[in-house]
Amino acid sequence: MLGMVNVLELGSAGGSSRLTDSISLGVLADILPRDLIEEVLDETGRREQRSRRLPAHVMVRFCLAMCLFYDDDYEEVMRQLVGSLKDMGSWRDEWTVPSTSAITQARQRLKVDPLRVLFQRTAVPVAGRGTKGAWLGSRRLMAVDGFMLDIADTPDNVKEFGRLDEGPKASAFPQARVVTLAECGSHADIAASFGPCKTDERALLTGILGALEPDMLVIADRNLYSFELWTQALSTGADLLWRVSATVTLPVIQSLPDGSYRSLVINPKITGARRAKLIDQVRHGQTVPASAAIPVRVIEYEIPDREGNSTGELICLITSILDPSDVTATELATAYHERWESETGFREKKTYLRRSGRVLRSKSPEMVRQEIWALLLTHYAIRKLMCHAADEAGLDPDRLSFTRSLRVIRRQVTDQADFSPSKTEESDQSHHRGDP
């Protein structure tokens, strides 16, 4: 069964009877089962102490549907979730869709933690051993990178998240900076950290290092490298493949037959004569403390520019895989460009789910955080479904269209809501899309 039915208890006007409505997210319900939602609500203390017309488990589903149906206002999103009561013999003429105000208050009661914990519990690697494009030998290809999300322009959001620039060059909207750890083969994010737009991406990355595992090859762009962060990431047991900028000096310790060479990343606090002595010690086979320098292997190559005028870009990669017989320089260079799969995932969240040019609808910082976790969780659920479908068909998940998959999921949800509810109670004439 693709869709799991959830129960929403709505009190009648007199409060003496209750109406059972079906709330479902169709195929996504298999990935986020009711039992897990209830367990997380208990864990985070968000279960209701009294019966409510919009219980917490329904609002979890609503937050995900809010991301699936981004162009719809709150009341219309709720309509999309409601199954056919006539077919169930549960239709009552007095039933009404909750108002925008009631839905907003229910979102605020739910708070942030249930969506955050659900993502942390649910988001695990999904690529199997047979998933195409997901592995380099025995290592699972992962990428860390960051992106920005425009959020509603309210005083509270500006104060909490800020704008990228000040004065005339200020960004049109306040923004949140998000850093994720994504599986290259499936585009599924398995960890995320976010904060104000001016937060350093490296600071956000420290918040997701716990998701790195020994079977991973973690790829990162040059903006994320620092000696301290490399040391921390290496301590997780994962292998690393990071691009570094030209400001990082990499002495040649030993040239290798595949065109790469062994080198050191050196603690920036060690300079001058101390640095030269340390390099000399390593060249003579002596061991130095990891707090001073860490052995790496360097792969350098040039990408020609599009005009073909021989002014291409030099790519410099460092890796913790020191033995070229394990993985060659060519294989690592090819793997590095799988990092761009994370860029595809960003576009899916920012453009296809959220629609191009749209801002997050939430008008308070806490609801912004709730909405970001819901967005990440919804994208993960879609990508997991796509990966499983690709595996069953023996295809690379990249061959499947995200937009087409999204349309199918939206249609599957909408097909379950094939009736026209009566007028909404306390209908909000403004039909605003966000919370107060």
Protein backbone atom coordinates (compact mmCIF):
# COMPACT_ATOMS: atom_id res chain seq x y z
CA MET A 1 0.00 0.00 0.00
CA LEU A 2 1.54 3.27 -1.09
CA GLY A 3 -0.33 5.64 1.18
CA MET A 4 -0.78 5.30 4.91
CA VAL A 5 -3.97 6.78 6.36
CA ASN A 6 -3.60 9.10 9.31
CA VAL A 7 -6.43 10.26 11.52
CA LEU A 8 -7.46 13.84 12.18
CA GLU A 9 -10.12 14.41 14.82
CA LEU A 10 -12.19 17.54 14.16
CA GLY A 11 -14.71 18.64 16.76
CA SER A 12 -18.13 19.81 15.64
CA ALA A 13 -19.37 23.30 16.36
CA GLY A 14 -20.91 22.10 19.58
CA GLY A 15 -17.88 20.05 20.58
CA SER A 16 -20.01 16.98 21.33
CA SER A 17 -19.10 14.82 18.35
CA ARG A 18 -15.99 14.17 16.34
CA LEU A 19 -15.44 13.54 12.67
CA THR A 20 -12.71 11.25 11.38
CA ASP A 21 -10.91 12.64 8.36
CA SER A 22 -8.19 10.85 6.40
CA ILE A 23 -4.91 12.70 6.09
CA SER A 24 -2.29 11.17 3.83
CA LEU A 25 0.86 12.11 1.99
CA GLY A 26 0.53 9.18 -0.34
CA VAL A 27 3.79 7.50 -1.27
CA LEU A 28 5.79 9.66 1.17
CA ALA A 29 3.90 8.07 4.07
CA ASP A 30 5.92 4.86 3.63
CA ILE A 31 9.12 6.76 4.37
CA LEU A 32 7.63 8.68 7.31
CA PRO A 33 5.31 6.17 8.99
CA ARG A 34 2.83 7.21 11.65
CA ASP A 35 4.59 5.19 14.35
CA LEU A 36 7.84 7.11 13.79
CA ILE A 37 6.05 10.45 13.90
CA GLU A 38 4.31 9.51 17.15
CA GLU A 39 7.60 8.34 18.66
CA VAL A 40 9.32 11.62 17.78
CA LEU A 41 6.41 13.67 19.14
CA ASP A 42 6.75 11.81 22.45
CA GLU A 43 10.51 12.28 22.47
CA THR A 44 10.28 16.04 21.81
CA GLY A 45 7.36 16.59 24.19
CA ARG A 46 5.05 17.93 21.48
CA ARG A 47 2.15 15.50 21.93
CA GLU A 48 -1.07 17.27 22.90
CA GLN A 49 -2.23 17.19 26.48
CA ARG A 50 -5.82 17.53 25.27
CA SER A 51 -7.70 16.64 22.12
CA ARG A 52 -7.23 19.26 19.43
CA ARG A 53 -8.80 19.79 16.05
CA LEU A 54 -5.32 19.90 14.47
CA PRO A 55 -3.20 17.38 16.39
CA ALA A 56 0.58 17.41 16.18
CA HIS A 57 0.94 14.35 13.93
CA VAL A 58 -1.33 16.00 11.36
CA MET A 59 0.70 19.22 11.52
CA VAL A 60 3.88 17.24 10.80
CA ARG A 61 2.20 16.00 7.62
CA PHE A 62 0.97 19.50 6.90
CA CYS A 63 4.51 20.94 7.10
CA LEU A 64 5.64 18.45 4.45
CA ALA A 65 2.61 19.14 2.26
CA MET A 66 3.35 22.86 2.62
CA CYS A 67 6.63 22.13 0.80
CA LEU A 68 4.99 19.92 -1.83
CA PHE A 69 2.32 22.52 -2.65
CA TYR A 70 4.33 25.68 -2.29
CA ASP A 71 2.07 27.88 -4.41
CA ASP A 72 -1.05 27.10 -2.36
CA ASP A 73 -2.23 28.95 0.73
CA TYR A 74 -2.66 27.15 4.03
CA GLU A 75 -6.31 26.22 3.58
CA GLU A 76 -5.73 24.83 0.10
CA VAL A 77 -2.75 22.78 1.32
CA MET A 78 -5.02 21.27 3.97
CA ARG A 79 -7.63 20.47 1.32
CA GLN A 80 -4.97 18.59 -0.63
CA LEU A 81 -4.39 16.36 2.37
CA VAL A 82 -8.00 15.40 3.04
CA GLY A 83 -9.17 12.08 1.61
CA SER A 84 -12.60 11.25 0.26
CA LEU A 85 -14.96 11.17 3.23
CA LYS A 86 -17.94 10.28 1.09
CA ASP A 87 -16.31 7.02 0.06
CA MET A 88 -15.58 6.30 3.72
CA GLY A 89 -19.17 7.08 4.71
CA SER A 90 -17.84 9.77 7.04
CA TRP A 91 -19.11 12.93 5.36
CA ARG A 92 -20.92 15.45 7.52
CA ASP A 93 -22.38 18.67 6.23
CA GLU A 94 -21.03 20.67 9.15
CA TRP A 95 -17.42 19.70 8.42
CA THR A 96 -15.21 22.69 7.59
CA VAL A 97 -11.59 23.18 6.59
CA PRO A 98 -9.61 24.80 9.42
CA SER A 99 -8.90 28.46 8.84
CA THR A 100 -5.47 29.88 8.04
CA SER A 101 -5.34 31.31 11.54
CA ALA A 102 -6.07 27.93 13.14
CA ILE A 103 -3.44 26.20 10.99
CA THR A 104 -0.88 28.87 11.83
CA GLN A 105 -1.49 28.45 15.56
CA ALA A 106 -1.14 24.67 15.20
CA ARG A 107 2.22 25.12 13.43
CA GLN A 108 3.40 27.34 16.26
CA ARG A 109 2.35 24.74 18.86
CA LEU A 110 4.31 22.07 16.99
CA LYS A 111 7.52 24.15 17.10
CA VAL A 112 10.80 23.11 15.46
CA ASP A 113 12.08 20.00 17.22
CA PRO A 114 9.75 17.34 15.74
CA LEU A 115 10.76 18.19 12.16
CA ARG A 116 14.46 18.43 13.10
CA VAL A 117 14.46 15.09 14.91
CA LEU A 118 12.44 13.42 12.14
CA PHE A 119 15.04 14.49 9.61
CA GLN A 120 17.89 13.27 11.80
CA ARG A 121 16.16 9.91 12.35
CA THR A 122 15.06 9.42 8.75
CA ALA A 123 17.88 10.84 6.65
CA VAL A 124 20.39 8.02 6.16
CA PRO A 125 22.27 6.98 3.00
CA VAL A 126 19.89 5.33 0.53
CA ALA A 127 22.17 4.14 -2.30
CA GLY A 128 22.63 0.39 -2.42
CA ARG A 129 25.72 -1.40 -3.64
CA GLY A 130 24.18 -1.54 -7.09
CA THR A 131 23.19 2.13 -7.30
CA LYS A 132 24.94 3.62 -10.30
CA GLY A 133 27.20 6.63 -9.69
CA ALA A 134 27.12 6.24 -5.91
CA TRP A 135 30.45 4.53 -5.21
CA LEU A 136 34.17 4.71 -5.86
CA GLY A 137 35.22 1.14 -5.19
CA SER A 138 34.09 0.39 -1.65
CA ARG A 139 33.68 4.08 -0.73
CA ARG A 140 30.33 5.86 -0.76
CA LEU A 141 30.64 9.20 -2.58
CA MET A 142 29.41 12.09 -0.43
CA ALA A 143 29.60 15.86 -0.89
CA VAL A 144 29.43 18.78 1.53
CA ASP A 145 28.40 22.16 0.26
CA GLY A 146 26.26 25.16 1.12
CA PHE A 147 23.45 27.21 -0.35
CA MET A 148 21.26 30.19 0.56
CA LEU A 149 17.49 30.37 1.05
CA ASP A 150 15.52 33.62 0.79
CA ILE A 151 13.10 34.05 3.68
CA ALA A 152 10.18 36.35 4.34
CA ASP A 153 11.18 39.99 4.85
CA THR A 154 10.01 40.64 8.41
CA PRO A 155 11.83 42.56 11.16
CA ASP A 156 12.26 39.41 13.25
CA ASN A 157 13.69 37.42 10.34
CA VAL A 158 16.06 40.24 9.40
CA LYS A 159 17.26 40.47 12.99
CA GLU A 160 17.77 36.71 13.29
CA PHE A 161 19.16 35.80 9.85
CA GLY A 162 20.36 39.10 8.38
CA ARG A 163 21.07 40.21 4.82
CA LEU A 164 24.25 39.46 2.92
CA ASP A 165 25.19 43.10 2.36
CA GLU A 166 24.29 46.45 3.84
CA GLY A 167 22.93 49.66 2.32
CA PRO A 168 22.16 49.88 -1.41
CA LYS A 169 23.78 46.50 -2.10
CA ALA A 170 21.75 44.67 0.55
CA SER A 171 20.02 41.49 -0.61
CA ALA A 172 16.33 41.89 -1.38
CA PHE A 173 15.39 39.39 1.36
CA PRO A 174 16.97 38.14 4.56
CA GLN A 175 18.62 34.77 3.97
CA ALA A 176 19.52 31.58 5.78
CA ARG A 177 22.74 29.74 4.96
CA VAL A 178 22.44 25.95 4.78
CA VAL A 179 25.25 23.37 4.66
CA THR A 180 24.43 19.75 3.87
CA LEU A 181 26.12 16.38 3.55
CA ALA A 182 24.62 14.77 0.45
CA GLU A 183 24.95 11.38 -1.17
CA CYS A 184 26.25 12.00 -4.70
CA GLY A 185 24.51 9.01 -6.26
CA SER A 186 21.02 9.73 -4.93
CA HIS A 187 21.24 13.51 -4.23
CA ALA A 188 19.77 12.75 -0.79
CA ASP A 189 20.92 14.98 2.07
CA ILE A 190 21.68 12.94 5.18
CA ALA A 191 22.77 15.78 7.48
CA ALA A 192 22.28 19.54 7.55
CA SER A 193 23.13 22.62 9.56
CA PHE A 194 21.93 26.17 8.99
CA GLY A 195 22.05 29.65 10.48
CA PRO A 196 22.23 33.37 9.63
CA CYS A 197 23.41 34.22 6.13
CA LYS A 198 26.77 35.57 7.31
CA THR A 199 27.67 32.41 9.20
CA ASP A 200 30.92 30.85 7.95
CA GLU A 201 30.20 27.62 6.07
CA ARG A 202 33.06 25.97 7.95
CA ALA A 203 31.36 26.70 11.25
CA LEU A 204 28.16 25.08 9.96
CA LEU A 205 30.11 22.07 8.69
CA THR A 206 31.37 21.30 12.19
CA GLY A 207 27.73 20.72 13.13
CA ILE A 208 27.38 17.77 10.73
CA LEU A 209 30.76 16.06 11.09
CA GLY A 210 29.07 13.44 13.25
CA ALA A 211 27.34 12.10 10.13
CA LEU A 212 30.66 11.19 8.45
CA GLU A 213 31.40 7.45 8.47
CA PRO A 214 34.48 5.32 7.66
CA ASP A 215 33.05 3.92 4.40
CA MET A 216 32.61 7.42 2.91
CA LEU A 217 34.72 9.50 0.54
CA VAL A 218 33.67 13.03 1.44
CA ILE A 219 34.16 15.68 -1.24
CA ALA A 220 34.30 19.42 -0.54
CA ASP A 221 35.01 22.63 -2.42
CA ARG A 222 37.90 24.98 -1.66
CA ASN A 223 35.88 27.36 0.52
CA LEU A 224 35.59 24.72 3.24
CA TYR A 225 39.25 23.85 3.82
CA SER A 226 41.09 24.77 6.99
CA PHE A 227 43.74 22.77 8.80
CA GLU A 228 41.56 22.50 11.89
CA LEU A 229 38.48 21.38 9.97
CA TRP A 230 40.49 18.86 7.93
CA THR A 231 41.83 17.42 11.18
CA GLN A 232 38.34 17.16 12.69
CA ALA A 233 36.85 15.57 9.57
CA LEU A 234 39.72 13.07 9.33
CA SER A 235 39.13 11.96 12.92
CA THR A 236 35.70 10.57 11.90
CA GLY A 237 37.40 7.80 9.93
CA ALA A 238 35.99 8.95 6.59
CA ASP A 239 38.29 9.48 3.63
CA LEU A 240 38.45 13.04 2.31
CA LEU A 241 38.83 14.62 -1.12
CA TRP A 242 38.84 18.41 -0.84
CA ARG A 243 39.80 21.13 -3.22
CA VAL A 244 42.14 23.78 -1.79
CA SER A 245 42.91 27.28 -2.91
CA ALA A 246 46.22 28.62 -4.20
CA THR A 247 46.94 30.11 -0.77
CA VAL A 248 47.57 26.63 0.66
CA THR A 249 51.24 25.76 0.21
CA LEU A 250 51.78 22.05 -0.49
CA PRO A 251 55.46 20.98 -0.49
CA VAL A 252 56.38 18.02 -2.71
CA ILE A 253 57.49 15.16 -0.46
CA GLN A 254 57.40 12.36 -3.04
CA SER A 255 56.30 12.21 -6.68
CA LEU A 256 54.02 9.26 -7.48
CA PRO A 257 53.69 7.23 -10.73
CA ASP A 258 50.09 8.31 -11.42
CA GLY A 259 51.05 12.00 -11.57
CA SER A 260 50.01 12.85 -8.02
CA TYR A 261 52.44 13.56 -5.20
CA ARG A 262 52.66 13.15 -1.46
CA SER A 263 52.65 16.32 0.60
CA LEU A 264 51.68 17.82 3.93
CA VAL A 265 49.02 20.17 5.19
CA ILE A 266 50.73 22.14 7.91
CA ASN A 267 49.29 23.90 10.92
CA PRO A 268 49.26 27.61 9.93
CA LYS A 269 50.70 28.49 13.33
CA ILE A 270 53.98 26.88 12.22
CA THR A 271 55.89 29.31 10.03
CA GLY A 272 59.36 30.28 8.89
CA ALA A 273 62.30 28.15 10.00
CA ARG A 274 60.08 25.82 12.07
CA ARG A 275 58.03 25.05 8.98
CA ALA A 276 61.11 24.37 6.82
CA LYS A 277 62.57 22.07 9.51
CA LEU A 278 59.30 20.14 9.78
CA ILE A 279 59.18 19.56 5.99
CA ASP A 280 62.80 18.41 6.03
CA GLN A 281 62.05 15.95 8.85
CA VAL A 282 59.21 14.37 6.87
CA ARG A 283 61.34 14.12 3.72
CA HIS A 284 63.89 12.16 5.75
CA GLY A 285 61.24 9.74 6.99
CA GLN A 286 60.79 11.16 10.46
CA THR A 287 57.38 11.23 12.12
CA VAL A 288 55.87 14.56 13.17
CA PRO A 289 52.87 15.20 15.45
CA ALA A 290 49.47 15.31 13.72
CA SER A 291 48.86 18.62 15.46
CA ALA A 292 51.73 20.05 13.40
CA ALA A 293 51.25 18.45 9.98
CA ILE A 294 49.15 15.76 8.29
CA PRO A 295 50.24 13.70 5.26
CA VAL A 296 48.09 14.16 2.15
CA ARG A 297 48.24 13.22 -1.49
CA VAL A 298 47.85 16.01 -4.06
CA ILE A 299 46.17 15.78 -7.45
CA GLU A 300 46.55 18.75 -9.78
CA TYR A 301 44.98 19.20 -13.21
CA GLU A 302 43.67 21.94 -15.45
CA ILE A 303 40.19 22.41 -16.87
CA PRO A 304 40.25 24.29 -20.20
CA ASP A 305 38.04 27.33 -20.37
CA ARG A 306 35.01 27.32 -22.64
CA GLU A 307 36.65 29.62 -25.17
CA GLY A 308 39.58 27.25 -25.58
CA ASN A 309 42.22 29.99 -25.29
CA SER A 310 44.52 27.97 -23.00
CA THR A 311 43.66 29.95 -19.88
CA GLY A 312 41.93 27.12 -18.06
CA GLU A 313 41.35 26.74 -14.33
CA LEU A 314 43.86 24.85 -12.20
CA ILE A 315 42.22 22.38 -9.84
CA CYS A 316 44.22 21.33 -6.78
CA LEU A 317 42.82 18.47 -4.71
CA ILE A 318 44.08 16.93 -1.50
CA THR A 319 43.04 13.51 -0.30
CA SER A 320 43.59 11.26 2.69
CA ILE A 321 43.93 8.26 0.31
CA LEU A 322 47.70 8.13 0.13
CA ASP A 323 48.24 5.01 -1.96
CA PRO A 324 47.76 5.48 -5.75
CA SER A 325 47.33 1.72 -6.16
CA ASP A 326 44.19 2.04 -4.03
CA VAL A 327 42.60 4.85 -6.07
CA THR A 328 44.35 6.55 -8.99
CA ALA A 329 44.63 10.30 -9.54
CA THR A 330 42.34 10.05 -12.56
CA GLU A 331 39.68 8.23 -10.55
CA LEU A 332 39.86 10.86 -7.80
CA ALA A 333 39.65 13.74 -10.27
CA THR A 334 36.59 12.12 -11.83
CA ALA A 335 35.05 11.55 -8.39
CA TYR A 336 35.59 15.19 -7.43
CA HIS A 337 33.30 16.34 -10.19
CA GLU A 338 30.53 14.23 -8.67
CA ARG A 339 30.39 17.06 -6.13
CA TRP A 340 28.31 18.93 -8.65
CA GLU A 341 25.53 16.47 -7.93
CA SER A 342 25.04 18.37 -4.67
CA GLU A 343 24.47 21.50 -6.74
CA THR A 344 21.68 19.65 -8.54
CA GLY A 345 20.13 18.85 -5.17
CA PHE A 346 20.27 22.52 -4.18
CA ARG A 347 18.46 23.48 -7.38
CA GLU A 348 15.79 20.88 -6.70
CA LYS A 349 15.07 22.38 -3.27
CA LYS A 350 15.38 26.04 -4.25
CA THR A 351 13.74 25.99 -7.69
CA TYR A 352 11.58 22.91 -8.21
CA LEU A 353 10.14 22.33 -4.73
CA ARG A 354 10.06 25.97 -3.63
CA ARG A 355 9.60 27.42 -7.13
CA SER A 356 12.04 29.89 -8.62
CA GLY A 357 11.99 33.35 -7.07
CA ARG A 358 9.80 32.33 -4.11
CA VAL A 359 10.78 32.93 -0.51
CA LEU A 360 10.06 30.71 2.47
CA ARG A 361 6.59 31.57 3.68
CA SER A 362 7.31 31.66 7.43
CA LYS A 363 7.41 35.09 9.04
CA SER A 364 9.08 34.28 12.36
CA PRO A 365 12.55 32.76 12.97
CA GLU A 366 11.24 29.66 14.73
CA MET A 367 8.81 28.90 11.91
CA VAL A 368 11.59 29.53 9.35
CA ARG A 369 13.63 26.80 11.07
CA GLN A 370 10.64 24.48 11.10
CA GLU A 371 10.05 25.12 7.39
CA ILE A 372 13.70 24.50 6.46
CA TRP A 373 13.70 21.13 8.25
CA ALA A 374 10.41 20.30 6.50
CA LEU A 375 11.91 21.25 3.14
CA LEU A 376 14.98 19.08 3.75
CA LEU A 377 12.83 16.16 4.91
CA THR A 378 10.45 16.42 1.94
CA HIS A 379 13.34 16.53 -0.54
CA TYR A 380 14.98 13.55 1.15
CA ALA A 381 11.76 11.50 0.97
CA ILE A 382 11.35 12.24 -2.74
CA ARG A 383 14.97 11.41 -3.48
CA LYS A 384 14.76 8.14 -1.55
CA LEU A 385 11.75 7.09 -3.60
CA MET A 386 13.55 8.03 -6.81
CA CYS A 387 16.67 6.08 -5.84
CA HIS A 388 14.67 2.95 -5.06
CA ALA A 389 12.78 3.27 -8.36
CA ALA A 390 16.05 3.67 -10.26
CA ASP A 391 17.59 0.65 -8.52
CA GLU A 392 14.60 -1.51 -9.41
CA ALA A 393 14.88 -0.44 -13.06
CA GLY A 394 18.67 -0.81 -13.13
CA LEU A 395 19.12 2.89 -13.96
CA ASP A 396 21.34 5.68 -12.69
CA PRO A 397 19.15 7.89 -10.43
CA ASP A 398 20.40 10.85 -12.50
CA ARG A 399 18.34 9.47 -15.39
CA LEU A 400 15.10 10.09 -13.48
CA SER A 401 13.47 13.50 -13.69
CA PHE A 402 12.98 15.20 -10.33
CA THR A 403 10.24 17.47 -11.67
CA ARG A 404 8.34 14.55 -13.16
CA SER A 405 8.66 12.56 -9.93
CA LEU A 406 7.43 15.59 -7.99
CA ARG A 407 4.38 15.89 -10.24
CA VAL A 408 3.54 12.22 -9.74
CA ILE A 409 3.77 12.55 -5.94
CA ARG A 410 1.66 15.72 -5.92
CA ARG A 411 -0.94 14.04 -8.10
CA GLN A 412 -1.02 10.97 -5.87
CA VAL A 413 -1.75 13.19 -2.87
CA THR A 414 -4.31 15.30 -4.72
CA ASP A 415 -6.19 12.29 -6.11
CA GLN A 416 -7.11 11.35 -2.56
CA ALA A 417 -8.87 14.69 -2.03
CA ASP A 418 -11.67 14.37 -4.56
CA PHE A 419 -14.43 16.25 -2.79
CA SER A 420 -15.27 19.90 -2.21
CA PRO A 421 -15.38 20.77 1.49
CA SER A 422 -17.99 23.20 2.75
CA LYS A 423 -17.12 26.81 3.40
CA THR A 424 -14.20 27.33 5.74
CA GLU A 425 -14.92 28.35 9.26
CA GLU A 426 -13.73 31.78 10.29
CA SER A 427 -12.41 32.08 6.73
CA ASP A 428 -9.40 34.31 6.53
CA GLN A 429 -10.23 36.78 3.78
CA SER A 430 -6.60 37.70 3.20
CA HIS A 431 -5.57 34.07 2.42
CA HIS A 432 -2.01 34.96 3.44
CA ARG A 433 0.52 32.21 2.88
CA GLY A 434 2.60 32.62 6.02
CA ASP A 435 2.28 32.68 9.77
CA PRO A 436 1.97 35.98 11.68
